Amino acid sequence: MDFAHLRQYAHQHCRFKLRSGKEVFGVVWEVETSEAAGADGVKRLFFASVRDYERLQRVGAPVQVIAMQPEEIVAVESLAS
């Protein structure tokens, strides 16, 4: 999958099917960083459980965040109500 398709599911509780066959539940979001001064931004995708994502919204709360490649996600379903 690519960033453009995943963008509509960003910051929502979803079920993700991964290339490995695993299903995971959580939230993804995109972060753009610059690798060097003056360089174009590099987009990275991150994943966390819903609980960790909510804790991430609070400053100083330790969380487990996983960097993920968009190509690893083969299907996504929004579970947000």
N, C-alpha and C. Protein backbone atom coordinates (compact mmCIF):
# COMPACT_ATOMS: atom_id res chain seq x y z
N MET A 1 0.84 -1.16 0.00
CA MET A 1 0.00 0.00 0.00
C MET A 1 0.90 1.24 0.00
N ASP A 2 0.39 2.37 -0.35
CA ASP A 2 1.21 3.58 -0.38
C ASP A 2 0.67 4.64 0.58
N PHE A 3 1.48 5.67 0.78
CA PHE A 3 1.10 6.75 1.70
C PHE A 3 -0.24 7.36 1.34
N ALA A 4 -0.48 7.57 0.05
CA ALA A 4 -1.71 8.23 -0.37
C ALA A 4 -2.94 7.45 0.08
N HIS A 5 -2.91 6.13 -0.04
CA HIS A 5 -4.05 5.31 0.36
C HIS A 5 -4.17 5.24 1.88
N LEU A 6 -3.06 5.15 2.57
CA LEU A 6 -3.07 5.04 4.03
C LEU A 6 -3.46 6.34 4.72
N ARG A 7 -3.25 7.46 4.04
CA ARG A 7 -3.51 8.77 4.64
C ARG A 7 -4.95 8.89 5.14
N GLN A 8 -5.90 8.28 4.44
CA GLN A 8 -7.31 8.38 4.86
C GLN A 8 -7.58 7.60 6.15
N TYR A 9 -6.67 6.70 6.54
CA TYR A 9 -6.83 5.92 7.76
C TYR A 9 -5.94 6.42 8.90
N ALA A 10 -5.17 7.45 8.64
CA ALA A 10 -4.24 7.97 9.65
C ALA A 10 -5.00 8.46 10.87
N HIS A 11 -4.42 8.21 12.04
CA HIS A 11 -4.96 8.68 13.32
C HIS A 11 -6.31 8.06 13.67
N GLN A 12 -6.61 6.87 13.10
CA GLN A 12 -7.85 6.16 13.39
C GLN A 12 -7.53 4.75 13.87
N HIS A 13 -8.38 4.21 14.73
CA HIS A 13 -8.24 2.82 15.16
C HIS A 13 -8.61 1.93 13.98
N CYS A 14 -7.65 1.08 13.56
CA CYS A 14 -7.85 0.24 12.39
C CYS A 14 -7.32 -1.17 12.63
N ARG A 15 -7.75 -2.07 11.74
CA ARG A 15 -7.18 -3.41 11.67
C ARG A 15 -6.34 -3.44 10.41
N PHE A 16 -5.08 -3.88 10.56
CA PHE A 16 -4.15 -3.94 9.44
C PHE A 16 -3.76 -5.37 9.18
N LYS A 17 -3.79 -5.77 7.93
CA LYS A 17 -3.27 -7.07 7.54
C LYS A 17 -1.90 -6.82 6.92
N LEU A 18 -0.90 -7.49 7.45
CA LEU A 18 0.47 -7.28 7.00
C LEU A 18 0.89 -8.33 5.98
N ARG A 19 1.91 -8.01 5.23
CA ARG A 19 2.44 -8.91 4.22
C ARG A 19 2.81 -10.27 4.82
N SER A 20 3.23 -10.27 6.07
CA SER A 20 3.63 -11.51 6.76
C SER A 20 2.43 -12.41 7.07
N GLY A 21 1.21 -11.87 6.90
CA GLY A 21 0.00 -12.62 7.21
C GLY A 21 -0.59 -12.27 8.57
N LYS A 22 0.16 -11.54 9.38
CA LYS A 22 -0.34 -11.14 10.69
C LYS A 22 -1.39 -10.05 10.56
N GLU A 23 -2.32 -10.03 11.53
CA GLU A 23 -3.26 -8.93 11.66
C GLU A 23 -2.92 -8.19 12.94
N VAL A 24 -2.84 -6.89 12.84
CA VAL A 24 -2.56 -6.05 14.00
C VAL A 24 -3.61 -4.96 14.10
N PHE A 25 -3.86 -4.53 15.32
CA PHE A 25 -4.85 -3.49 15.58
C PHE A 25 -4.14 -2.30 16.19
N GLY A 26 -4.42 -1.12 15.66
CA GLY A 26 -3.78 0.07 16.18
C GLY A 26 -4.01 1.27 15.28
N VAL A 27 -3.03 2.18 15.34
CA VAL A 27 -3.13 3.46 14.64
C VAL A 27 -1.83 3.71 13.88
N VAL A 28 -1.94 4.22 12.66
CA VAL A 28 -0.76 4.65 11.90
C VAL A 28 -0.85 6.15 11.67
N TRP A 29 0.31 6.75 11.51
CA TRP A 29 0.37 8.17 11.15
C TRP A 29 1.66 8.42 10.41
N GLU A 30 1.65 9.48 9.64
CA GLU A 30 2.78 9.84 8.79
C GLU A 30 3.51 11.04 9.40
N VAL A 31 4.82 10.97 9.36
CA VAL A 31 5.65 12.07 9.85
C VAL A 31 6.64 12.42 8.75
N GLU A 32 6.77 13.70 8.48
CA GLU A 32 7.74 14.15 7.48
C GLU A 32 8.92 14.77 8.22
N THR A 33 10.10 14.26 7.94
CA THR A 33 11.32 14.76 8.58
C THR A 33 12.29 15.20 7.50
N SER A 34 13.21 16.05 7.86
CA SER A 34 14.24 16.45 6.91
C SER A 34 15.53 15.77 7.34
N GLU A 35 16.18 15.12 6.42
CA GLU A 35 17.42 14.39 6.70
C GLU A 35 18.62 15.34 6.79
N ALA A 36 18.61 16.40 6.00
CA ALA A 36 19.72 17.36 5.99
C ALA A 36 19.15 18.75 5.74
N ALA A 37 19.89 19.74 6.14
CA ALA A 37 19.44 21.12 5.94
C ALA A 37 19.21 21.38 4.46
N GLY A 38 18.04 21.89 4.16
CA GLY A 38 17.72 22.23 2.78
C GLY A 38 17.19 21.07 1.96
N ALA A 39 17.21 19.86 2.51
CA ALA A 39 16.74 18.70 1.76
C ALA A 39 15.23 18.59 1.85
N ASP A 40 14.64 17.94 0.84
CA ASP A 40 13.20 17.68 0.88
C ASP A 40 12.89 16.74 2.02
N GLY A 41 11.70 16.84 2.56
CA GLY A 41 11.31 16.00 3.68
C GLY A 41 11.20 14.53 3.29
N VAL A 42 11.49 13.68 4.25
CA VAL A 42 11.37 12.24 4.08
C VAL A 42 10.14 11.81 4.88
N LYS A 43 9.22 11.10 4.23
CA LYS A 43 8.01 10.66 4.90
C LYS A 43 8.26 9.30 5.53
N ARG A 44 7.83 9.17 6.80
CA ARG A 44 7.94 7.91 7.51
C ARG A 44 6.58 7.58 8.11
N LEU A 45 6.30 6.30 8.20
CA LEU A 45 5.04 5.83 8.74
C LEU A 45 5.32 5.17 10.09
N PHE A 46 4.48 5.47 11.07
CA PHE A 46 4.64 4.89 12.40
C PHE A 46 3.35 4.21 12.81
N PHE A 47 3.49 3.18 13.64
CA PHE A 47 2.36 2.39 14.14
C PHE A 47 2.46 2.28 15.65
N ALA A 48 1.32 2.32 16.31
CA ALA A 48 1.25 2.07 17.75
C ALA A 48 -0.11 1.48 18.06
N SER A 49 -0.19 0.77 19.17
CA SER A 49 -1.50 0.29 19.63
C SER A 49 -2.36 1.51 19.94
N VAL A 50 -3.66 1.30 20.00
CA VAL A 50 -4.57 2.41 20.30
C VAL A 50 -4.22 3.00 21.67
N ARG A 51 -3.95 2.14 22.62
CA ARG A 51 -3.63 2.61 23.97
C ARG A 51 -2.35 3.45 23.97
N ASP A 52 -1.30 2.95 23.29
CA ASP A 52 -0.06 3.72 23.23
C ASP A 52 -0.24 5.02 22.45
N TYR A 53 -1.04 4.98 21.39
CA TYR A 53 -1.28 6.20 20.60
C TYR A 53 -1.96 7.26 21.46
N GLU A 54 -2.94 6.84 22.27
CA GLU A 54 -3.62 7.79 23.15
C GLU A 54 -2.66 8.34 24.20
N ARG A 55 -1.77 7.48 24.71
CA ARG A 55 -0.77 7.94 25.68
C ARG A 55 0.24 8.87 25.02
N LEU A 56 0.52 8.65 23.75
CA LEU A 56 1.45 9.50 23.01
C LEU A 56 0.93 10.93 22.92
N GLN A 57 -0.38 11.08 22.92
CA GLN A 57 -0.98 12.41 22.83
C GLN A 57 -0.71 13.23 24.09
N ARG A 58 -0.41 12.53 25.20
CA ARG A 58 -0.06 13.20 26.45
C ARG A 58 1.45 13.34 26.52
N VAL A 59 1.92 14.50 26.82
CA VAL A 59 3.36 14.76 26.87
C VAL A 59 4.01 13.94 27.98
N GLY A 60 5.13 13.34 27.64
CA GLY A 60 5.93 12.63 28.63
C GLY A 60 5.53 11.20 28.90
N ALA A 61 4.47 10.72 28.28
CA ALA A 61 4.06 9.34 28.51
C ALA A 61 4.89 8.40 27.64
N PRO A 62 5.57 7.41 28.23
CA PRO A 62 6.38 6.48 27.43
C PRO A 62 5.48 5.53 26.62
N VAL A 63 5.84 5.34 25.37
CA VAL A 63 5.03 4.48 24.49
C VAL A 63 5.94 3.63 23.61
N GLN A 64 5.36 2.60 23.05
CA GLN A 64 6.04 1.74 22.09
C GLN A 64 5.54 2.14 20.70
N VAL A 65 6.42 2.72 19.90
CA VAL A 65 6.09 3.15 18.54
C VAL A 65 6.95 2.36 17.57
N ILE A 66 6.35 1.89 16.49
CA ILE A 66 7.07 1.07 15.52
C ILE A 66 7.09 1.78 14.18
N ALA A 67 8.30 1.96 13.63
CA ALA A 67 8.41 2.49 12.26
C ALA A 67 7.98 1.39 11.31
N MET A 68 7.20 1.73 10.31
CA MET A 68 6.65 0.73 9.41
C MET A 68 6.76 1.22 7.97
N GLN A 69 7.01 0.31 7.07
CA GLN A 69 7.01 0.64 5.65
C GLN A 69 5.60 0.45 5.10
N PRO A 70 5.09 1.38 4.31
CA PRO A 70 3.73 1.25 3.77
C PRO A 70 3.54 -0.04 2.98
N GLU A 71 4.60 -0.54 2.35
CA GLU A 71 4.51 -1.75 1.54
C GLU A 71 4.21 -2.99 2.38
N GLU A 72 4.46 -2.92 3.69
CA GLU A 72 4.20 -4.06 4.58
C GLU A 72 2.70 -4.24 4.83
N ILE A 73 1.91 -3.20 4.60
CA ILE A 73 0.47 -3.26 4.83
C ILE A 73 -0.22 -3.65 3.52
N VAL A 74 -1.00 -4.75 3.57
CA VAL A 74 -1.68 -5.19 2.35
C VAL A 74 -3.18 -4.89 2.40
N ALA A 75 -3.74 -4.70 3.62
CA ALA A 75 -5.16 -4.36 3.74
C ALA A 75 -5.37 -3.58 5.02
N VAL A 76 -6.37 -2.72 5.01
CA VAL A 76 -6.69 -1.93 6.20
C VAL A 76 -8.21 -1.77 6.29
N GLU A 77 -8.71 -1.81 7.53
CA GLU A 77 -10.12 -1.60 7.79
C GLU A 77 -10.26 -0.68 8.99
N SER A 78 -11.01 0.38 8.84
CA SER A 78 -11.21 1.32 9.94
C SER A 78 -12.17 0.71 10.95
N LEU A 79 -11.81 0.79 12.22
CA LEU A 79 -12.66 0.33 13.31
C LEU A 79 -13.20 1.51 14.12
N ALA A 80 -12.88 2.73 13.69
CA ALA A 80 -13.33 3.93 14.38
C ALA A 80 -14.82 4.10 14.19
N SER A 81 -15.46 4.53 15.25
CA SER A 81 -16.92 4.72 15.15
C SER A 81 -17.28 6.17 14.98
